């Protein structure tokens, strides 16, 4: 589980967000040409998707955060359509309603494989000056 929750109660509450990033390492954008991300909330019936058809889109959870499970599928010139495994071994991420999680895709050299990582960024409390 990835948890970088550093937000405060004063942070805006508009729902967790998810984006996909293709790493420049190993020329990932060349080797991963199609991908599909599914994010499911644990304990709620909410599920959302992002795909390579809209690579810069943000998946906005409707007004809440919590524990989410991520599934990522990808393919490319040297990679058949397959589910990618997380580098950490855990596909769960905790993301509160003010945070954004980046799901980064990393191809192997020559694109014969790929994996992903997740990094959650939350706003820090504003300190009085």
C-alpha atoms as a PDB file:
ATOM      1  CA  UNK A   1       0.000   0.000   0.000  1.00  0.00           C
ATOM      2  CA  UNK A   2       1.259   3.451  -0.911  1.00  0.00           C
ATOM      3  CA  UNK A   3       0.215   6.211   1.495  1.00  0.00           C
ATOM      4  CA  UNK A   4       1.630   9.703   1.349  1.00  0.00           C
ATOM      5  CA  UNK A   5      -1.277  11.461   3.017  1.00  0.00           C
ATOM      6  CA  UNK A   6       0.012  14.840   4.179  1.00  0.00           C
ATOM      7  CA  UNK A   7      -3.160  16.894   3.833  1.00  0.00           C
ATOM      8  CA  UNK A   8      -4.957  18.876   6.480  1.00  0.00           C
ATOM      9  CA  UNK A   9      -8.612  19.298   7.359  1.00  0.00           C
ATOM     10  CA  UNK A  10      -8.431  22.706   5.637  1.00  0.00           C
ATOM     11  CA  UNK A  11      -7.492  21.129   2.292  1.00  0.00           C
ATOM     12  CA  UNK A  12     -10.177  21.286  -0.412  1.00  0.00           C
ATOM     13  CA  UNK A  13     -12.449  18.272  -0.503  1.00  0.00           C
ATOM     14  CA  UNK A  14     -13.325  17.517  -4.104  1.00  0.00           C
ATOM     15  CA  UNK A  15     -12.384  13.863  -4.481  1.00  0.00           C
ATOM     16  CA  UNK A  16      -9.232  11.868  -5.074  1.00  0.00           C
ATOM     17  CA  UNK A  17      -7.687  12.129  -8.545  1.00  0.00           C
ATOM     18  CA  UNK A  18      -5.668   9.690 -10.671  1.00  0.00           C
ATOM     19  CA  UNK A  19      -3.416  10.317 -13.688  1.00  0.00           C
ATOM     20  CA  UNK A  20      -1.170   8.076 -15.814  1.00  0.00           C
ATOM     21  CA  UNK A  21       2.432   8.958 -16.658  1.00  0.00           C
ATOM     22  CA  UNK A  22       4.689   7.211 -19.179  1.00  0.00           C
ATOM     23  CA  UNK A  23       8.255   7.220 -17.912  1.00  0.00           C
ATOM     24  CA  UNK A  24      10.943   8.479 -20.305  1.00  0.00           C
ATOM     25  CA  UNK A  25      13.205   5.648 -19.076  1.00  0.00           C
ATOM     26  CA  UNK A  26      13.750   2.939 -21.716  1.00  0.00           C
ATOM     27  CA  UNK A  27      11.725   5.025 -24.195  1.00  0.00           C
ATOM     28  CA  UNK A  28       8.478   3.824 -22.582  1.00  0.00           C
ATOM     29  CA  UNK A  29       6.265   5.983 -24.815  1.00  0.00           C
ATOM     30  CA  UNK A  30       7.649   4.149 -27.866  1.00  0.00           C
ATOM     31  CA  UNK A  31       7.153   0.668 -26.380  1.00  0.00           C
ATOM     32  CA  UNK A  32       3.814   1.119 -24.602  1.00  0.00           C
ATOM     33  CA  UNK A  33       1.248   2.289 -27.146  1.00  0.00           C
ATOM     34  CA  UNK A  34      -2.025   1.164 -25.526  1.00  0.00           C
ATOM     35  CA  UNK A  35      -2.969   1.071 -21.860  1.00  0.00           C
ATOM     36  CA  UNK A  36      -6.083   0.938 -19.685  1.00  0.00           C
ATOM     37  CA  UNK A  37      -6.260   1.820 -15.981  1.00  0.00           C
ATOM     38  CA  UNK A  38      -9.126   0.747 -13.709  1.00  0.00           C
ATOM     39  CA  UNK A  39      -9.435   2.214 -10.215  1.00  0.00           C
ATOM     40  CA  UNK A  40     -11.897   0.667  -7.748  1.00  0.00           C
ATOM     41  CA  UNK A  41     -12.778   2.054  -4.333  1.00  0.00           C
ATOM     42  CA  UNK A  42     -12.721  -0.478  -1.506  1.00  0.00           C
ATOM     43  CA  UNK A  43     -15.990  -0.507   0.374  1.00  0.00           C
ATOM     44  CA  UNK A  44     -17.951   1.582  -2.133  1.00  0.00           C
ATOM     45  CA  UNK A  45     -19.461   0.749  -5.471  1.00  0.00           C
ATOM     46  CA  UNK A  46     -17.401   3.394  -7.304  1.00  0.00           C
ATOM     47  CA  UNK A  47     -15.082   2.452 -10.185  1.00  0.00           C
ATOM     48  CA  UNK A  48     -13.416   4.602 -12.852  1.00  0.00           C
ATOM     49  CA  UNK A  49     -11.236   4.146 -15.937  1.00  0.00           C
ATOM     50  CA  UNK A  50      -8.550   5.959 -17.911  1.00  0.00           C
ATOM     51  CA  UNK A  51      -7.181   4.804 -21.271  1.00  0.00           C
ATOM     52  CA  UNK A  52      -4.497   5.711 -23.765  1.00  0.00           C
ATOM     53  CA  UNK A  53      -7.289   7.113 -25.963  1.00  0.00           C
ATOM     54  CA  UNK A  54      -7.160  10.200 -23.687  1.00  0.00           C
ATOM     55  CA  UNK A  55      -3.617   9.995 -22.250  1.00  0.00           C
ATOM     56  CA  UNK A  56      -3.648  13.356 -20.449  1.00  0.00           C
ATOM     57  CA  UNK A  57      -7.058  12.914 -18.809  1.00  0.00           C
ATOM     58  CA  UNK A  58      -7.526  12.972 -15.043  1.00  0.00           C
ATOM     59  CA  UNK A  59      -9.798  10.458 -13.342  1.00  0.00           C
ATOM     60  CA  UNK A  60     -11.774  12.418 -10.736  1.00  0.00           C
ATOM     61  CA  UNK A  61     -13.384  10.499  -7.869  1.00  0.00           C
ATOM     62  CA  UNK A  62     -16.745  12.157  -7.025  1.00  0.00           C
ATOM     63  CA  UNK A  63     -16.112  13.890  -3.700  1.00  0.00           C
ATOM     64  CA  UNK A  64     -14.403  11.228  -1.588  1.00  0.00           C
ATOM     65  CA  UNK A  65     -11.144   9.420  -0.981  1.00  0.00           C
ATOM     66  CA  UNK A  66     -10.100   6.202   0.713  1.00  0.00           C
ATOM     67  CA  UNK A  67      -8.455   2.951  -0.227  1.00  0.00           C
ATOM     68  CA  UNK A  68      -8.350   2.152  -3.942  1.00  0.00           C
ATOM     69  CA  UNK A  69      -7.256  -0.891  -5.942  1.00  0.00           C
ATOM     70  CA  UNK A  70      -5.534  -0.266  -9.256  1.00  0.00           C
ATOM     71  CA  UNK A  71      -5.449  -2.569 -12.293  1.00  0.00           C
ATOM     72  CA  UNK A  72      -3.364  -1.609 -15.321  1.00  0.00           C
ATOM     73  CA  UNK A  73      -3.254  -3.351 -18.708  1.00  0.00           C
ATOM     74  CA  UNK A  74      -0.896  -2.404 -21.544  1.00  0.00           C
ATOM     75  CA  UNK A  75       0.489  -3.456 -24.904  1.00  0.00           C
ATOM     76  CA  UNK A  76       2.960  -2.315 -27.527  1.00  0.00           C
ATOM     77  CA  UNK A  77       4.999  -3.457 -30.533  1.00  0.00           C
ATOM     78  CA  UNK A  78       6.854  -6.108 -28.485  1.00  0.00           C
ATOM     79  CA  UNK A  79       4.296  -6.652 -25.729  1.00  0.00           C
ATOM     80  CA  UNK A  80       0.992  -8.500 -26.035  1.00  0.00           C
ATOM     81  CA  UNK A  81      -1.993  -7.022 -24.161  1.00  0.00           C
ATOM     82  CA  UNK A  82      -1.434  -8.004 -20.538  1.00  0.00           C
ATOM     83  CA  UNK A  83      -1.993  -6.947 -16.966  1.00  0.00           C
ATOM     84  CA  UNK A  84       1.029  -5.116 -15.577  1.00  0.00           C
ATOM     85  CA  UNK A  85       2.356  -5.797 -12.104  1.00  0.00           C
ATOM     86  CA  UNK A  86       3.148  -3.037  -9.608  1.00  0.00           C
ATOM     87  CA  UNK A  87       6.836  -2.601  -8.779  1.00  0.00           C
ATOM     88  CA  UNK A  88       5.980  -2.520  -5.065  1.00  0.00           C
ATOM     89  CA  UNK A  89       4.005  -5.765  -5.276  1.00  0.00           C
ATOM     90  CA  UNK A  90       0.894  -3.985  -3.960  1.00  0.00           C
ATOM     91  CA  UNK A  91      -1.884  -2.635  -6.186  1.00  0.00           C
ATOM     92  CA  UNK A  92      -3.587  -0.765  -3.334  1.00  0.00           C
ATOM     93  CA  UNK A  93      -3.215   2.955  -2.693  1.00  0.00           C
ATOM     94  CA  UNK A  94      -4.709   5.226  -0.065  1.00  0.00           C
ATOM     95  CA  UNK A  95      -5.679   8.608  -1.432  1.00  0.00           C
ATOM     96  CA  UNK A  96      -7.789  11.097   0.482  1.00  0.00           C
ATOM     97  CA  UNK A  97     -10.246  13.484  -1.130  1.00  0.00           C
ATOM     98  CA  UNK A  98      -7.615  16.225  -1.594  1.00  0.00           C
ATOM     99  CA  UNK A  99      -4.870  14.047  -3.115  1.00  0.00           C
ATOM    100  CA  UNK A 100      -3.744  12.973  -6.564  1.00  0.00           C
ATOM    101  CA  UNK A 101      -2.129   9.632  -7.384  1.00  0.00           C
ATOM    102  CA  UNK A 102       0.180   9.317 -10.362  1.00  0.00           C
ATOM    103  CA  UNK A 103       0.355   5.828 -11.859  1.00  0.00           C
ATOM    104  CA  UNK A 104       3.659   5.639 -13.724  1.00  0.00           C
ATOM    105  CA  UNK A 105       4.294   3.071 -16.458  1.00  0.00           C
ATOM    106  CA  UNK A 106       7.844   1.852 -17.051  1.00  0.00           C
ATOM    107  CA  UNK A 107       8.718  -0.336 -20.033  1.00  0.00           C
ATOM    108  CA  UNK A 108      11.597  -2.775 -19.881  1.00  0.00           C
ATOM    109  CA  UNK A 109      14.455  -2.326 -22.373  1.00  0.00           C
ATOM    110  CA  UNK A 110      13.101  -2.905 -25.907  1.00  0.00           C
ATOM    111  CA  UNK A 111       9.550  -3.066 -24.533  1.00  0.00           C
ATOM    112  CA  UNK A 112       9.290  -6.811 -23.906  1.00  0.00           C
ATOM    113  CA  UNK A 113       7.751  -6.147 -20.512  1.00  0.00           C
ATOM    114  CA  UNK A 114       6.486  -3.323 -18.320  1.00  0.00           C
ATOM    115  CA  UNK A 115       5.472  -2.540 -14.752  1.00  0.00           C
ATOM    116  CA  UNK A 116       4.044   0.419 -12.870  1.00  0.00           C
ATOM    117  CA  UNK A 117       4.482   2.410  -9.692  1.00  0.00           C
ATOM    118  CA  UNK A 118       2.205   4.802  -7.810  1.00  0.00           C
ATOM    119  CA  UNK A 119       3.001   8.058  -6.074  1.00  0.00           C
ATOM    120  CA  UNK A 120       0.371  10.011  -4.159  1.00  0.00           C
ATOM    121  CA  UNK A 121       0.772  13.749  -3.712  1.00  0.00           C
ATOM    122  CA  UNK A 122      -1.271  15.613  -1.125  1.00  0.00           C
ATOM    123  CA  UNK A 123      -1.277  19.323  -0.345  1.00  0.00           C
ATOM    124  CA  UNK A 124       0.550  20.343   2.796  1.00  0.00           C
ATOM    125  CA  UNK A 125      -1.220  22.514   5.362  1.00  0.00           C
ATOM    126  CA  UNK A 126      -0.735  26.238   4.743  1.00  0.00           C
ATOM    127  CA  UNK A 127       1.554  27.705   7.395  1.00  0.00           C
ATOM    128  CA  UNK A 128       0.785  31.227   8.639  1.00  0.00           C
ATOM    129  CA  UNK A 129       3.482  33.791   7.846  1.00  0.00           C
END
